[in-house]
PDB file of all heavy atoms in Angstrom:
ATOM      1  N   ALA A   1       0.794  -1.236   0.013  1.00  0.00           N
ATOM      2  CA  ALA A   1       0.018   0.007  -0.020  1.00  0.00           C
ATOM      3  C   ALA A   1       0.866   1.206  -0.021  1.00  0.00           C
ATOM      4  O   ALA A   1       1.703   1.339   0.917  1.00  0.00           O
ATOM      5  CB  ALA A   1      -0.948   0.008   1.195  1.00  0.00           C
ATOM      6  N   ILE A   2       0.650   2.125  -1.069  1.00  0.00           N
ATOM      7  CA  ILE A   2       1.409   3.325  -1.070  1.00  0.00           C
ATOM      8  C   ILE A   2       0.487   4.568  -0.394  1.00  0.00           C
ATOM      9  O   ILE A   2      -0.643   4.595  -0.564  1.00  0.00           O
ATOM     10  CB  ILE A   2       1.693   3.715  -2.547  1.00  0.00           C
ATOM     11  CG1 ILE A   2       2.609   4.980  -2.600  1.00  0.00           C
ATOM     12  CG2 ILE A   2       0.485   3.861  -3.382  1.00  0.00           C
ATOM     13  CD1 ILE A   2       3.165   5.144  -4.040  1.00  0.00           C
ATOM     14  N   SER A   3       1.211   5.364   0.346  1.00  0.00           N
ATOM     15  CA  SER A   3       0.540   6.429   1.033  1.00  0.00           C
ATOM     16  C   SER A   3       1.460   7.571   1.188  1.00  0.00           C
ATOM     17  O   SER A   3       2.678   7.452   0.901  1.00  0.00           O
ATOM     18  CB  SER A   3      -0.063   5.979   2.335  1.00  0.00           C
ATOM     19  OG  SER A   3       0.985   5.598   3.113  1.00  0.00           O
ATOM     20  N   ARG A   4       1.047   8.646   1.641  1.00  0.00           N
ATOM     21  CA  ARG A   4       1.844   9.929   1.743  1.00  0.00           C
ATOM     22  C   ARG A   4       1.375  10.735   3.031  1.00  0.00           C
ATOM     23  O   ARG A   4       0.196  10.679   3.389  1.00  0.00           O
ATOM     24  CB  ARG A   4       1.816  10.776   0.502  1.00  0.00           C
ATOM     25  CG  ARG A   4       0.396  11.275   0.277  1.00  0.00           C
ATOM     26  CD  ARG A   4       0.261  11.890  -1.092  1.00  0.00           C
ATOM     27  NE  ARG A   4      -1.130  12.328  -1.424  1.00  0.00           N
ATOM     28  CZ  ARG A   4      -1.586  12.812  -2.419  1.00  0.00           C
ATOM     29  NH1 ARG A   4      -0.824  12.860  -3.453  1.00  0.00           N
ATOM     30  NH2 ARG A   4      -2.899  13.086  -2.621  1.00  0.00           N
ATOM     31  N   ASP A   5       2.249  11.531   3.554  1.00  0.00           N
ATOM     32  CA  ASP A   5       1.923  12.483   4.579  1.00  0.00           C
ATOM     33  C   ASP A   5       2.327  13.796   4.026  1.00  0.00           C
ATOM     34  O   ASP A   5       3.579  14.156   3.929  1.00  0.00           O
ATOM     35  CB  ASP A   5       2.751  12.124   5.896  1.00  0.00           C
ATOM     36  CG  ASP A   5       2.232  13.088   6.994  1.00  0.00           C
ATOM     37  OD1 ASP A   5       1.974  14.191   6.831  1.00  0.00           O
ATOM     38  OD2 ASP A   5       2.366  12.628   8.166  1.00  0.00           O
ATOM     39  N   LEU A   6       1.319  14.636   3.543  1.00  0.00           N
ATOM     40  CA  LEU A   6       1.683  15.838   2.809  1.00  0.00           C
ATOM     41  C   LEU A   6       2.209  16.836   3.896  1.00  0.00           C
ATOM     42  O   LEU A   6       3.051  17.754   3.450  1.00  0.00           O
ATOM     43  CB  LEU A   6       0.330  16.437   2.264  1.00  0.00           C
ATOM     44  CG  LEU A   6      -0.285  15.544   1.069  1.00  0.00           C
ATOM     45  CD1 LEU A   6      -1.455  16.196   0.602  1.00  0.00           C
ATOM     46  CD2 LEU A   6       0.699  15.441   0.018  1.00  0.00           C
ATOM     47  N   ALA A   7       1.823  16.807   5.100  1.00  0.00           N
ATOM     48  CA  ALA A   7       2.351  17.743   6.122  1.00  0.00           C
ATOM     49  C   ALA A   7       3.801  17.520   6.352  1.00  0.00           C
ATOM     50  O   ALA A   7       4.653  18.487   6.567  1.00  0.00           O
ATOM     51  CB  ALA A   7       1.577  17.640   7.374  1.00  0.00           C
ATOM     52  N   LYS A   8       4.289  16.272   6.324  1.00  0.00           N
ATOM     53  CA  LYS A   8       5.626  15.821   6.595  1.00  0.00           C
ATOM     54  C   LYS A   8       6.526  15.658   5.398  1.00  0.00           C
ATOM     55  O   LYS A   8       7.749  15.541   5.398  1.00  0.00           O
ATOM     56  CB  LYS A   8       5.697  14.600   7.482  1.00  0.00           C
ATOM     57  CG  LYS A   8       5.126  14.819   8.812  1.00  0.00           C
ATOM     58  CD  LYS A   8       5.252  13.491   9.657  1.00  0.00           C
ATOM     59  CE  LYS A   8       4.651  13.661  11.013  1.00  0.00           C
ATOM     60  NZ  LYS A   8       4.820  12.426  11.876  1.00  0.00           N
ATOM     61  N   ASN A   9       5.852  15.741   4.224  1.00  0.00           N
ATOM     62  CA  ASN A   9       6.601  15.479   2.871  1.00  0.00           C
ATOM     63  C   ASN A   9       7.190  14.162   2.825  1.00  0.00           C
ATOM     64  O   ASN A   9       8.377  14.074   2.504  1.00  0.00           O
ATOM     65  CB  ASN A   9       7.527  16.605   2.577  1.00  0.00           C
ATOM     66  CG  ASN A   9       6.789  17.870   2.331  1.00  0.00           C
ATOM     67  OD1 ASN A   9       5.870  17.998   1.595  1.00  0.00           O
ATOM     68  ND2 ASN A   9       7.340  18.966   2.997  1.00  0.00           N
ATOM     69  N   ILE A  10       6.470  13.106   3.269  1.00  0.00           N
ATOM     70  CA  ILE A  10       7.000  11.778   3.275  1.00  0.00           C
ATOM     71  C   ILE A  10       6.053  10.790   2.525  1.00  0.00           C
ATOM     72  O   ILE A  10       4.847  10.831   2.638  1.00  0.00           O
ATOM     73  CB  ILE A  10       7.142  11.241   4.648  1.00  0.00           C
ATOM     74  CG1 ILE A  10       8.205  12.083   5.528  1.00  0.00           C
ATOM     75  CG2 ILE A  10       7.672   9.745   4.708  1.00  0.00           C
ATOM     76  CD1 ILE A  10       8.334  11.742   6.955  1.00  0.00           C
ATOM     77  N   LEU A  11       6.627  10.020   1.600  1.00  0.00           N
ATOM     78  CA  LEU A  11       6.033   8.951   1.011  1.00  0.00           C
ATOM     79  C   LEU A  11       6.295   7.645   1.607  1.00  0.00           C
ATOM     80  O   LEU A  11       7.342   7.438   2.045  1.00  0.00           O
ATOM     81  CB  LEU A  11       6.516   8.923  -0.498  1.00  0.00           C
ATOM     82  CG  LEU A  11       5.842   7.898  -1.402  1.00  0.00           C
ATOM     83  CD1 LEU A  11       4.499   8.212  -1.829  1.00  0.00           C
ATOM     84  CD2 LEU A  11       6.691   7.709  -2.612  1.00  0.00           C
ATOM     85  N   TYR A  12       5.275   6.787   1.732  1.00  0.00           N
ATOM     86  CA  TYR A  12       5.417   5.471   2.426  1.00  0.00           C
ATOM     87  C   TYR A  12       5.052   4.376   1.436  1.00  0.00           C
ATOM     88  O   TYR A  12       4.250   4.483   0.571  1.00  0.00           O
ATOM     89  CB  TYR A  12       4.531   5.365   3.628  1.00  0.00           C
ATOM     90  CG  TYR A  12       4.812   6.478   4.665  1.00  0.00           C
ATOM     91  CD1 TYR A  12       3.999   7.624   4.812  1.00  0.00           C
ATOM     92  CD2 TYR A  12       5.888   6.329   5.522  1.00  0.00           C
ATOM     93  CE1 TYR A  12       4.168   8.508   5.822  1.00  0.00           C
ATOM     94  CE2 TYR A  12       6.107   7.259   6.547  1.00  0.00           C
ATOM     95  CZ  TYR A  12       5.190   8.364   6.701  1.00  0.00           C
ATOM     96  OH  TYR A  12       5.393   9.259   7.647  1.00  0.00           O
ATOM     97  N   LEU A  13       5.591   3.248   1.691  1.00  0.00           N
ATOM     98  CA  LEU A  13       5.163   2.015   1.047  1.00  0.00           C
ATOM     99  C   LEU A  13       5.045   0.951   2.198  1.00  0.00           C
ATOM    100  O   LEU A  13       6.141   0.518   2.734  1.00  0.00           O
ATOM    101  CB  LEU A  13       6.099   1.604   0.030  1.00  0.00           C
ATOM    102  CG  LEU A  13       5.782   0.225  -0.743  1.00  0.00           C
ATOM    103  CD1 LEU A  13       4.455   0.535  -1.519  1.00  0.00           C
ATOM    104  CD2 LEU A  13       6.854  -0.283  -1.570  1.00  0.00           C
ATOM    105  N   GLN A  14       3.783   0.489   2.586  1.00  0.00           N
ATOM    106  CA  GLN A  14       3.634  -0.563   3.467  1.00  0.00           C
ATOM    107  C   GLN A  14       3.652  -1.834   2.686  1.00  0.00           C
ATOM    108  O   GLN A  14       2.962  -2.070   1.728  1.00  0.00           O
ATOM    109  CB  GLN A  14       2.304  -0.419   4.176  1.00  0.00           C
ATOM    110  CG  GLN A  14       1.983  -1.491   5.107  1.00  0.00           C
ATOM    111  CD  GLN A  14       2.847  -1.562   6.361  1.00  0.00           C
ATOM    112  OE1 GLN A  14       3.079  -0.542   6.928  1.00  0.00           O
ATOM    113  NE2 GLN A  14       3.452  -2.726   6.591  1.00  0.00           N
ATOM    114  N   MET A  15       4.536  -2.769   3.119  1.00  0.00           N
ATOM    115  CA  MET A  15       4.749  -3.951   2.479  1.00  0.00           C
ATOM    116  C   MET A  15       4.425  -5.182   3.380  1.00  0.00           C
ATOM    117  O   MET A  15       5.053  -5.334   4.349  1.00  0.00           O
ATOM    118  CB  MET A  15       6.186  -4.062   2.041  1.00  0.00           C
ATOM    119  CG  MET A  15       6.724  -2.837   1.212  1.00  0.00           C
ATOM    120  SD  MET A  15       8.565  -2.857   1.027  1.00  0.00           S
ATOM    121  CE  MET A  15       8.750  -4.278  -0.015  1.00  0.00           C
ATOM    122  N   ASN A  16       3.346  -5.955   2.999  1.00  0.00           N
ATOM    123  CA  ASN A  16       2.894  -6.943   3.868  1.00  0.00           C
ATOM    124  C   ASN A  16       3.082  -8.357   3.036  1.00  0.00           C
ATOM    125  O   ASN A  16       3.091  -8.304   1.796  1.00  0.00           O
ATOM    126  CB  ASN A  16       1.490  -6.819   4.247  1.00  0.00           C
ATOM    127  CG  ASN A  16       1.300  -5.648   5.184  1.00  0.00           C
ATOM    128  OD1 ASN A  16       2.073  -5.285   5.908  1.00  0.00           O
ATOM    129  ND2 ASN A  16       0.074  -4.963   4.888  1.00  0.00           N
ATOM    130  N   ASN A  17       3.083  -9.373   3.878  1.00  0.00           N
ATOM    131  CA  ASN A  17       3.132 -10.819   3.180  1.00  0.00           C
ATOM    132  C   ASN A  17       4.254 -10.795   2.259  1.00  0.00           C
ATOM    133  O   ASN A  17       4.033 -11.190   1.092  1.00  0.00           O
ATOM    134  CB  ASN A  17       1.891 -11.131   2.663  1.00  0.00           C
ATOM    135  CG  ASN A  17       1.870 -12.645   2.282  1.00  0.00           C
ATOM    136  OD1 ASN A  17       2.467 -13.484   2.825  1.00  0.00           O
ATOM    137  ND2 ASN A  17       0.983 -13.000   1.326  1.00  0.00           N
ATOM    138  N   LEU A  18       5.479 -10.495   2.634  1.00  0.00           N
ATOM    139  CA  LEU A  18       6.506 -10.358   1.627  1.00  0.00           C
ATOM    140  C   LEU A  18       7.069 -11.765   1.227  1.00  0.00           C
ATOM    141  O   LEU A  18       6.967 -12.736   2.015  1.00  0.00           O
ATOM    142  CB  LEU A  18       7.743  -9.690   2.323  1.00  0.00           C
ATOM    143  CG  LEU A  18       7.699  -8.088   2.503  1.00  0.00           C
ATOM    144  CD1 LEU A  18       8.577  -7.604   3.592  1.00  0.00           C
ATOM    145  CD2 LEU A  18       7.798  -7.486   1.093  1.00  0.00           C
ATOM    146  N   PHE A  19       7.373 -11.841  -0.036  1.00  0.00           N
ATOM    147  CA  PHE A  19       7.932 -13.010  -0.612  1.00  0.00           C
ATOM    148  C   PHE A  19       9.359 -12.919  -0.952  1.00  0.00           C
ATOM    149  O   PHE A  19       9.850 -11.755  -1.013  1.00  0.00           O
ATOM    150  CB  PHE A  19       7.265 -13.361  -2.015  1.00  0.00           C
ATOM    151  CG  PHE A  19       5.821 -13.519  -1.957  1.00  0.00           C
ATOM    152  CD1 PHE A  19       4.991 -13.210  -3.082  1.00  0.00           C
ATOM    153  CD2 PHE A  19       5.126 -13.998  -0.796  1.00  0.00           C
ATOM    154  CE1 PHE A  19       3.634 -13.327  -3.034  1.00  0.00           C
ATOM    155  CE2 PHE A  19       3.742 -14.064  -0.784  1.00  0.00           C
ATOM    156  CZ  PHE A  19       3.076 -13.748  -1.877  1.00  0.00           C
ATOM    157  N   PRO A  20      10.204 -13.999  -1.040  1.00  0.00           N
ATOM    158  CA  PRO A  20      11.514 -13.776  -1.419  1.00  0.00           C
ATOM    159  C   PRO A  20      11.721 -13.140  -2.650  1.00  0.00           C
ATOM    160  O   PRO A  20      12.785 -12.433  -3.006  1.00  0.00           O
ATOM    161  CB  PRO A  20      12.029 -15.312  -1.536  1.00  0.00           C
ATOM    162  CG  PRO A  20      11.276 -16.026  -0.467  1.00  0.00           C
ATOM    163  CD  PRO A  20       9.810 -15.306  -0.607  1.00  0.00           C
ATOM    164  N   GLU A  21      10.756 -13.278  -3.610  1.00  0.00           N
ATOM    165  CA  GLU A  21      10.783 -12.521  -4.894  1.00  0.00           C
ATOM    166  C   GLU A  21      10.648 -11.074  -4.809  1.00  0.00           C
ATOM    167  O   GLU A  21      10.859 -10.332  -5.897  1.00  0.00           O
ATOM    168  CB  GLU A  21       9.634 -13.151  -5.776  1.00  0.00           C
ATOM    169  CG  GLU A  21       9.710 -14.622  -6.077  1.00  0.00           C
ATOM    170  CD  GLU A  21       9.169 -15.516  -5.006  1.00  0.00           C
ATOM    171  OE1 GLU A  21       7.895 -15.366  -4.799  1.00  0.00           O
ATOM    172  OE2 GLU A  21       9.966 -16.149  -4.376  1.00  0.00           O
ATOM    173  N   ASP A  22      10.330 -10.529  -3.560  1.00  0.00           N
ATOM    174  CA  ASP A  22      10.274  -9.184  -3.395  1.00  0.00           C
ATOM    175  C   ASP A  22      11.659  -8.577  -3.075  1.00  0.00           C
ATOM    176  O   ASP A  22      11.810  -7.329  -2.988  1.00  0.00           O
ATOM    177  CB  ASP A  22       9.306  -8.771  -2.324  1.00  0.00           C
ATOM    178  CG  ASP A  22       7.892  -9.169  -2.631  1.00  0.00           C
ATOM    179  OD1 ASP A  22       7.384  -8.809  -3.714  1.00  0.00           O
ATOM    180  OD2 ASP A  22       7.184  -9.633  -1.687  1.00  0.00           O
ATOM    181  N   THR A  23      12.677  -9.355  -2.924  1.00  0.00           N
ATOM    182  CA  THR A  23      14.042  -8.958  -2.611  1.00  0.00           C
ATOM    183  C   THR A  23      14.479  -7.973  -3.694  1.00  0.00           C
ATOM    184  O   THR A  23      14.542  -8.409  -4.856  1.00  0.00           O
ATOM    185  CB  THR A  23      14.939 -10.104  -2.443  1.00  0.00           C
ATOM    186  OG1 THR A  23      14.588 -10.878  -1.299  1.00  0.00           O
ATOM    187  CG2 THR A  23      16.430  -9.643  -2.254  1.00  0.00           C
ATOM    188  N   ALA A  24      14.845  -6.764  -3.401  1.00  0.00           N
ATOM    189  CA  ALA A  24      15.173  -5.783  -4.349  1.00  0.00           C
ATOM    190  C   ALA A  24      15.773  -4.526  -3.728  1.00  0.00           C
ATOM    191  O   ALA A  24      15.520  -4.344  -2.473  1.00  0.00           O
ATOM    192  CB  ALA A  24      14.024  -5.435  -5.260  1.00  0.00           C
ATOM    193  N   VAL A  25      16.259  -3.663  -4.436  1.00  0.00           N
ATOM    194  CA  VAL A  25      16.485  -2.215  -4.036  1.00  0.00           C
ATOM    195  C   VAL A  25      15.213  -1.583  -4.338  1.00  0.00           C
ATOM    196  O   VAL A  25      14.794  -1.461  -5.576  1.00  0.00           O
ATOM    197  CB  VAL A  25      17.780  -1.639  -4.718  1.00  0.00           C
ATOM    198  CG1 VAL A  25      17.795  -0.226  -4.285  1.00  0.00           C
ATOM    199  CG2 VAL A  25      19.037  -2.485  -4.376  1.00  0.00           C
ATOM    200  N   TYR A  26      14.664  -0.796  -3.465  1.00  0.00           N
ATOM    201  CA  TYR A  26      13.442   0.006  -3.605  1.00  0.00           C
ATOM    202  C   TYR A  26      13.830   1.452  -3.653  1.00  0.00           C
ATOM    203  O   TYR A  26      14.474   1.974  -2.787  1.00  0.00           O
ATOM    204  CB  TYR A  26      12.422  -0.312  -2.496  1.00  0.00           C
ATOM    205  CG  TYR A  26      11.713  -1.706  -2.657  1.00  0.00           C
ATOM    206  CD1 TYR A  26      12.376  -2.847  -2.408  1.00  0.00           C
ATOM    207  CD2 TYR A  26      10.473  -1.786  -3.110  1.00  0.00           C
ATOM    208  CE1 TYR A  26      11.813  -4.068  -2.564  1.00  0.00           C
ATOM    209  CE2 TYR A  26       9.879  -2.956  -3.250  1.00  0.00           C
ATOM    210  CZ  TYR A  26      10.511  -4.138  -2.971  1.00  0.00           C
ATOM    211  OH  TYR A  26       9.912  -5.448  -3.096  1.00  0.00           O
ATOM    212  N   TYR A  27      13.320   2.120  -4.706  1.00  0.00           N
ATOM    213  CA  TYR A  27      13.466   3.546  -4.900  1.00  0.00           C
ATOM    214  C   TYR A  27      12.205   4.246  -4.893  1.00  0.00           C
ATOM    215  O   TYR A  27      11.119   3.786  -5.313  1.00  0.00           O
ATOM    216  CB  TYR A  27      14.055   3.700  -6.339  1.00  0.00           C
ATOM    217  CG  TYR A  27      15.416   3.153  -6.604  1.00  0.00           C
ATOM    218  CD1 TYR A  27      15.457   1.874  -7.093  1.00  0.00           C
ATOM    219  CD2 TYR A  27      16.667   3.702  -6.377  1.00  0.00           C
ATOM    220  CE1 TYR A  27      16.687   1.256  -7.321  1.00  0.00           C
ATOM    221  CE2 TYR A  27      17.812   3.197  -6.623  1.00  0.00           C
ATOM    222  CZ  TYR A  27      17.873   1.912  -7.119  1.00  0.00           C
ATOM    223  OH  TYR A  27      19.024   1.318  -7.354  1.00  0.00           O
ATOM    224  N   CYS A  28      12.224   5.494  -4.351  1.00  0.00           N
ATOM    225  CA  CYS A  28      11.069   6.334  -4.476  1.00  0.00           C
ATOM    226  C   CYS A  28      11.417   7.316  -5.699  1.00  0.00           C
ATOM    227  O   CYS A  28      12.607   7.571  -5.967  1.00  0.00           O
ATOM    228  CB  CYS A  28      10.734   7.168  -3.172  1.00  0.00           C
ATOM    229  SG  CYS A  28      11.996   8.283  -2.605  1.00  0.00           S
ATOM    230  N   ALA A  29      10.346   7.867  -6.271  1.00  0.00           N
ATOM    231  CA  ALA A  29      10.499   8.667  -7.411  1.00  0.00           C
ATOM    232  C   ALA A  29       9.316   9.683  -7.458  1.00  0.00           C
ATOM    233  O   ALA A  29       8.252   9.408  -6.866  1.00  0.00           O
ATOM    234  CB  ALA A  29      10.557   7.863  -8.725  1.00  0.00           C
ATOM    235  N   ALA A  30       9.526  10.753  -8.197  1.00  0.00           N
ATOM    236  CA  ALA A  30       8.436  11.778  -8.347  1.00  0.00           C
ATOM    237  C   ALA A  30       8.500  12.374  -9.605  1.00  0.00           C
ATOM    238  O   ALA A  30       9.540  12.371 -10.379  1.00  0.00           O
ATOM    239  CB  ALA A  30       8.638  12.834  -7.238  1.00  0.00           C
ATOM    240  N   GLU A  31       7.300  12.920 -10.047  1.00  0.00           N
ATOM    241  CA  GLU A  31       7.113  13.498 -11.427  1.00  0.00           C
ATOM    242  C   GLU A  31       6.520  14.814 -11.168  1.00  0.00           C
ATOM    243  O   GLU A  31       5.321  14.887 -10.668  1.00  0.00           O
ATOM    244  CB  GLU A  31       6.300  12.643 -12.379  1.00  0.00           C
ATOM    245  CG  GLU A  31       6.016  13.255 -13.658  1.00  0.00           C
ATOM    246  CD  GLU A  31       7.400  13.444 -14.481  1.00  0.00           C
ATOM    247  OE1 GLU A  31       8.137  12.477 -14.623  1.00  0.00           O
ATOM    248  OE2 GLU A  31       7.639  14.666 -14.873  1.00  0.00           O
ATOM    249  N   GLY A  32       7.123  15.978 -11.662  1.00  0.00           N
ATOM    250  CA  GLY A  32       6.600  17.228 -11.592  1.00  0.00           C
ATOM    251  C   GLY A  32       6.282  17.872 -12.894  1.00  0.00           C
ATOM    252  O   GLY A  32       5.808  19.076 -12.820  1.00  0.00           O
ATOM    253  N   THR A  33       6.549  17.229 -13.940  1.00  0.00           N
ATOM    254  CA  THR A  33       6.333  17.847 -15.296  1.00  0.00           C
ATOM    255  C   THR A  33       5.278  17.150 -16.094  1.00  0.00           C
ATOM    256  O   THR A  33       4.379  17.823 -16.615  1.00  0.00           O
ATOM    257  CB  THR A  33       7.681  17.781 -16.131  1.00  0.00           C
ATOM    258  OG1 THR A  33       8.750  18.412 -15.458  1.00  0.00           O
ATOM    259  CG2 THR A  33       7.510  18.373 -17.466  1.00  0.00           C
TER     260      THR A  33
END
């Protein structure tokens, strides 16, 4: 589940029931254009 706190300027990713296949480097990204 992706969510955000606009007051704190923080983006979150809640990750549940993780699988070994979820092993990765996770990046956040943004688009302003």
